[in-house]
Amino acid sequence: MAKYLYSGPMSAATLDDGTDVILFPGREVTLPAENAWVKTLVAQKYLTPVAAPKAAPAPSRSSAPAATTKTKTESPASASGEKEGK
C-alpha cells in the first residue's frame, strides 16, 4: 500500500479485492501500488505519490539558561490603594 495525493474530479471505485474507494480532490488516499487502476491514475497524473514524512529532529539540549518570566510588583502603598507622594 502507498499514499497518494489525488488531484482529479471526485470519483469512486471498487478495487479487485472488494475495497470501496472514494477519491476527493486535494485529499490523501492509501491505495495498493500494484493495482492496474491505481497505475492508470498515476500515469494520468491524477495520483501523485506522497513522500513519507521525515522524522522530526530531536530537540537540542543546549546549555542556555531557561527562560524566566518577570512580573511587575506593586509598592505597598499602591497595593493598599493609597496614593504615593502625598
N, C-alpha and C. Protein backbone atom coordinates (compact mmCIF):
# COMPACT_ATOMS: atom_id res chain seq x y z
N MET A 1 0.85 -1.19 0.00
CA MET A 1 0.00 0.00 0.00
C MET A 1 0.89 1.24 0.00
N ALA A 2 0.42 2.27 -0.70
CA ALA A 2 1.18 3.51 -0.80
C ALA A 2 0.23 4.69 -0.64
N LYS A 3 0.77 5.82 -0.20
CA LYS A 3 -0.03 7.03 -0.05
C LYS A 3 0.11 7.88 -1.30
N TYR A 4 -1.02 8.44 -1.72
CA TYR A 4 -1.06 9.29 -2.90
C TYR A 4 -1.88 10.54 -2.58
N LEU A 5 -1.60 11.61 -3.33
CA LEU A 5 -2.43 12.81 -3.30
C LEU A 5 -3.26 12.79 -4.57
N TYR A 6 -4.58 12.87 -4.44
CA TYR A 6 -5.48 12.80 -5.59
C TYR A 6 -5.79 14.21 -6.08
N SER A 7 -5.73 14.41 -7.40
CA SER A 7 -5.99 15.74 -7.97
C SER A 7 -6.94 15.69 -9.16
N GLY A 8 -7.84 14.74 -9.17
CA GLY A 8 -8.82 14.66 -10.25
C GLY A 8 -10.21 15.03 -9.73
N PRO A 9 -11.23 14.76 -10.53
CA PRO A 9 -12.60 15.02 -10.06
C PRO A 9 -13.00 13.99 -9.01
N MET A 10 -14.00 14.32 -8.19
CA MET A 10 -14.47 13.36 -7.20
C MET A 10 -14.84 12.07 -7.91
N SER A 11 -14.39 10.95 -7.36
CA SER A 11 -14.58 9.68 -8.04
C SER A 11 -14.70 8.56 -7.02
N ALA A 12 -15.28 7.45 -7.43
CA ALA A 12 -15.40 6.27 -6.56
C ALA A 12 -15.18 5.02 -7.40
N ALA A 13 -14.64 3.99 -6.74
CA ALA A 13 -14.40 2.72 -7.45
C ALA A 13 -14.35 1.60 -6.43
N THR A 14 -14.53 0.40 -6.93
CA THR A 14 -14.37 -0.81 -6.12
C THR A 14 -13.15 -1.54 -6.67
N LEU A 15 -12.15 -1.75 -5.81
CA LEU A 15 -10.94 -2.44 -6.23
C LEU A 15 -11.20 -3.93 -6.39
N ASP A 16 -10.25 -4.62 -7.03
CA ASP A 16 -10.37 -6.06 -7.27
C ASP A 16 -10.61 -6.86 -6.00
N ASP A 17 -10.07 -6.37 -4.88
CA ASP A 17 -10.22 -7.11 -3.62
C ASP A 17 -11.54 -6.78 -2.91
N GLY A 18 -12.39 -5.96 -3.53
CA GLY A 18 -13.69 -5.61 -2.95
C GLY A 18 -13.69 -4.34 -2.12
N THR A 19 -12.55 -3.68 -2.00
CA THR A 19 -12.45 -2.44 -1.23
C THR A 19 -13.06 -1.29 -2.00
N ASP A 20 -13.99 -0.58 -1.38
CA ASP A 20 -14.58 0.61 -1.99
C ASP A 20 -13.69 1.81 -1.69
N VAL A 21 -13.42 2.60 -2.71
CA VAL A 21 -12.55 3.77 -2.58
C VAL A 21 -13.31 4.99 -3.09
N ILE A 22 -13.28 6.07 -2.31
CA ILE A 22 -13.86 7.34 -2.75
C ILE A 22 -12.71 8.34 -2.77
N LEU A 23 -12.52 8.98 -3.93
CA LEU A 23 -11.43 9.92 -4.10
C LEU A 23 -11.97 11.35 -4.14
N PHE A 24 -11.38 12.21 -3.34
CA PHE A 24 -11.74 13.62 -3.30
C PHE A 24 -10.54 14.44 -3.71
N PRO A 25 -10.72 15.46 -4.55
CA PRO A 25 -9.59 16.28 -4.98
C PRO A 25 -8.89 16.93 -3.79
N GLY A 26 -7.55 16.89 -3.82
CA GLY A 26 -6.75 17.52 -2.77
C GLY A 26 -6.58 16.68 -1.52
N ARG A 27 -7.10 15.47 -1.50
CA ARG A 27 -7.00 14.60 -0.32
C ARG A 27 -6.00 13.48 -0.54
N GLU A 28 -5.40 13.04 0.57
CA GLU A 28 -4.50 11.89 0.50
C GLU A 28 -5.30 10.60 0.62
N VAL A 29 -4.83 9.55 -0.06
CA VAL A 29 -5.50 8.27 -0.04
C VAL A 29 -4.44 7.18 -0.06
N THR A 30 -4.70 6.07 0.63
CA THR A 30 -3.79 4.93 0.63
C THR A 30 -4.37 3.86 -0.27
N LEU A 31 -3.58 3.47 -1.28
CA LEU A 31 -4.04 2.51 -2.29
C LEU A 31 -2.93 1.51 -2.58
N PRO A 32 -3.30 0.32 -3.10
CA PRO A 32 -2.28 -0.66 -3.47
C PRO A 32 -1.54 -0.21 -4.74
N ALA A 33 -0.23 -0.03 -4.64
CA ALA A 33 0.57 0.48 -5.75
C ALA A 33 0.56 -0.47 -6.95
N GLU A 34 0.35 -1.77 -6.72
CA GLU A 34 0.40 -2.75 -7.80
C GLU A 34 -0.92 -2.87 -8.57
N ASN A 35 -1.97 -2.20 -8.12
CA ASN A 35 -3.28 -2.26 -8.77
C ASN A 35 -3.25 -1.55 -10.13
N ALA A 36 -3.84 -2.17 -11.15
CA ALA A 36 -3.83 -1.62 -12.52
C ALA A 36 -4.53 -0.26 -12.59
N TRP A 37 -5.66 -0.11 -11.88
CA TRP A 37 -6.40 1.16 -11.89
C TRP A 37 -5.57 2.26 -11.25
N VAL A 38 -4.88 1.93 -10.15
CA VAL A 38 -4.03 2.90 -9.47
C VAL A 38 -2.89 3.31 -10.41
N LYS A 39 -2.28 2.35 -11.09
CA LYS A 39 -1.20 2.66 -12.04
C LYS A 39 -1.70 3.58 -13.15
N THR A 40 -2.92 3.36 -13.60
CA THR A 40 -3.50 4.21 -14.64
C THR A 40 -3.68 5.65 -14.13
N LEU A 41 -4.20 5.79 -12.92
CA LEU A 41 -4.39 7.13 -12.35
C LEU A 41 -3.06 7.84 -12.13
N VAL A 42 -2.02 7.08 -11.77
CA VAL A 42 -0.68 7.66 -11.61
C VAL A 42 -0.17 8.13 -12.97
N ALA A 43 -0.35 7.31 -14.00
CA ALA A 43 0.10 7.66 -15.36
C ALA A 43 -0.63 8.90 -15.88
N GLN A 44 -1.91 9.05 -15.49
CA GLN A 44 -2.70 10.21 -15.91
C GLN A 44 -2.44 11.42 -15.02
N LYS A 45 -1.57 11.25 -14.02
CA LYS A 45 -1.20 12.31 -13.07
C LYS A 45 -2.36 12.75 -12.17
N TYR A 46 -3.35 11.88 -12.00
CA TYR A 46 -4.41 12.14 -11.03
C TYR A 46 -3.95 11.76 -9.63
N LEU A 47 -3.05 10.80 -9.55
CA LEU A 47 -2.47 10.39 -8.27
C LEU A 47 -0.98 10.71 -8.27
N THR A 48 -0.53 11.38 -7.22
CA THR A 48 0.89 11.71 -7.05
C THR A 48 1.36 11.04 -5.77
N PRO A 49 2.42 10.21 -5.85
CA PRO A 49 2.92 9.57 -4.62
C PRO A 49 3.33 10.62 -3.58
N VAL A 50 3.00 10.34 -2.33
CA VAL A 50 3.34 11.24 -1.23
C VAL A 50 4.57 10.67 -0.55
N ALA A 51 5.59 11.49 -0.39
CA ALA A 51 6.81 11.05 0.29
C ALA A 51 6.51 10.84 1.78
N ALA A 52 7.12 9.83 2.34
CA ALA A 52 6.95 9.57 3.78
C ALA A 52 7.52 10.76 4.54
N PRO A 53 6.84 11.22 5.59
CA PRO A 53 7.35 12.36 6.35
C PRO A 53 8.65 12.00 7.04
N LYS A 54 9.58 12.95 7.03
CA LYS A 54 10.86 12.73 7.71
C LYS A 54 10.65 12.87 9.20
N ALA A 55 11.42 12.11 9.95
CA ALA A 55 11.31 12.19 11.41
C ALA A 55 11.78 13.56 11.87
N ALA A 56 11.07 14.14 12.79
CA ALA A 56 11.44 15.45 13.31
C ALA A 56 12.73 15.33 14.11
N PRO A 57 13.63 16.30 13.96
CA PRO A 57 14.87 16.23 14.73
C PRO A 57 14.59 16.37 16.22
N ALA A 58 15.39 15.66 16.99
CA ALA A 58 15.22 15.73 18.44
C ALA A 58 15.59 17.13 18.90
N PRO A 59 14.87 17.65 19.89
CA PRO A 59 15.20 18.99 20.38
C PRO A 59 16.61 18.99 20.97
N SER A 60 17.36 20.04 20.65
CA SER A 60 18.72 20.11 21.17
C SER A 60 18.68 20.55 22.63
N ARG A 61 19.61 20.04 23.37
CA ARG A 61 19.69 20.41 24.79
C ARG A 61 20.92 21.27 24.96
N SER A 62 20.73 22.55 24.77
CA SER A 62 21.85 23.48 24.87
C SER A 62 22.05 23.88 26.32
N SER A 63 23.17 24.53 26.56
CA SER A 63 23.46 24.96 27.93
C SER A 63 22.90 26.34 28.22
N ALA A 64 22.05 26.84 27.34
CA ALA A 64 21.45 28.15 27.55
C ALA A 64 20.52 28.11 28.76
N PRO A 65 20.49 29.19 29.52
CA PRO A 65 19.61 29.21 30.71
C PRO A 65 18.15 29.17 30.30
N ALA A 66 17.33 28.64 31.15
CA ALA A 66 15.90 28.57 30.90
C ALA A 66 15.31 29.96 30.91
N ALA A 67 14.26 30.16 30.14
CA ALA A 67 13.60 31.46 30.09
C ALA A 67 12.93 31.75 31.42
N THR A 68 12.99 33.00 31.82
CA THR A 68 12.34 33.39 33.07
C THR A 68 11.25 34.39 32.76
N THR A 69 10.26 34.44 33.60
CA THR A 69 9.16 35.38 33.44
C THR A 69 9.28 36.44 34.51
N LYS A 70 9.27 37.70 34.08
CA LYS A 70 9.33 38.79 35.04
C LYS A 70 7.91 39.25 35.33
N THR A 71 7.64 39.51 36.58
CA THR A 71 6.33 40.01 36.96
C THR A 71 6.48 41.38 37.60
N LYS A 72 5.52 42.22 37.39
CA LYS A 72 5.53 43.55 37.97
C LYS A 72 5.09 43.46 39.41
N THR A 73 5.86 44.06 40.29
CA THR A 73 5.47 44.07 41.70
C THR A 73 4.97 45.46 42.05
N GLU A 74 3.97 45.49 42.88
CA GLU A 74 3.40 46.77 43.30
C GLU A 74 4.03 47.19 44.62
N SER A 75 4.15 48.51 44.81
CA SER A 75 4.67 49.00 46.08
C SER A 75 3.58 48.82 47.13
N PRO A 76 3.94 48.73 48.40
CA PRO A 76 2.93 48.54 49.45
C PRO A 76 1.88 49.62 49.45
N ALA A 77 2.24 50.85 49.10
CA ALA A 77 1.28 51.95 49.12
C ALA A 77 0.24 51.75 48.03
N SER A 78 0.67 51.37 46.83
CA SER A 78 -0.30 51.22 45.74
C SER A 78 -1.13 49.95 45.93
N ALA A 79 -0.60 48.94 46.62
CA ALA A 79 -1.35 47.73 46.86
C ALA A 79 -2.49 47.95 47.82
N SER A 80 -2.29 48.91 48.75
CA SER A 80 -3.35 49.17 49.73
C SER A 80 -4.31 50.25 49.25
N GLY A 81 -4.07 50.79 48.07
CA GLY A 81 -4.98 51.78 47.50
C GLY A 81 -4.61 53.19 47.82
N GLU A 82 -3.52 53.43 48.58
CA GLU A 82 -3.10 54.78 48.91
C GLU A 82 -2.33 55.37 47.75
N LYS A 83 -2.42 56.69 47.60
CA LYS A 83 -1.66 57.37 46.57
C LYS A 83 -0.25 57.61 47.07
N GLU A 84 0.71 57.45 46.16
CA GLU A 84 2.09 57.70 46.54
C GLU A 84 2.37 59.20 46.43
N GLY A 85 3.29 59.69 47.20
CA GLY A 85 3.76 61.07 47.12
C GLY A 85 2.81 62.08 47.73
N LYS A 86 2.17 61.78 48.84
CA LYS A 86 1.26 62.72 49.49
C LYS A 86 1.99 63.86 50.07
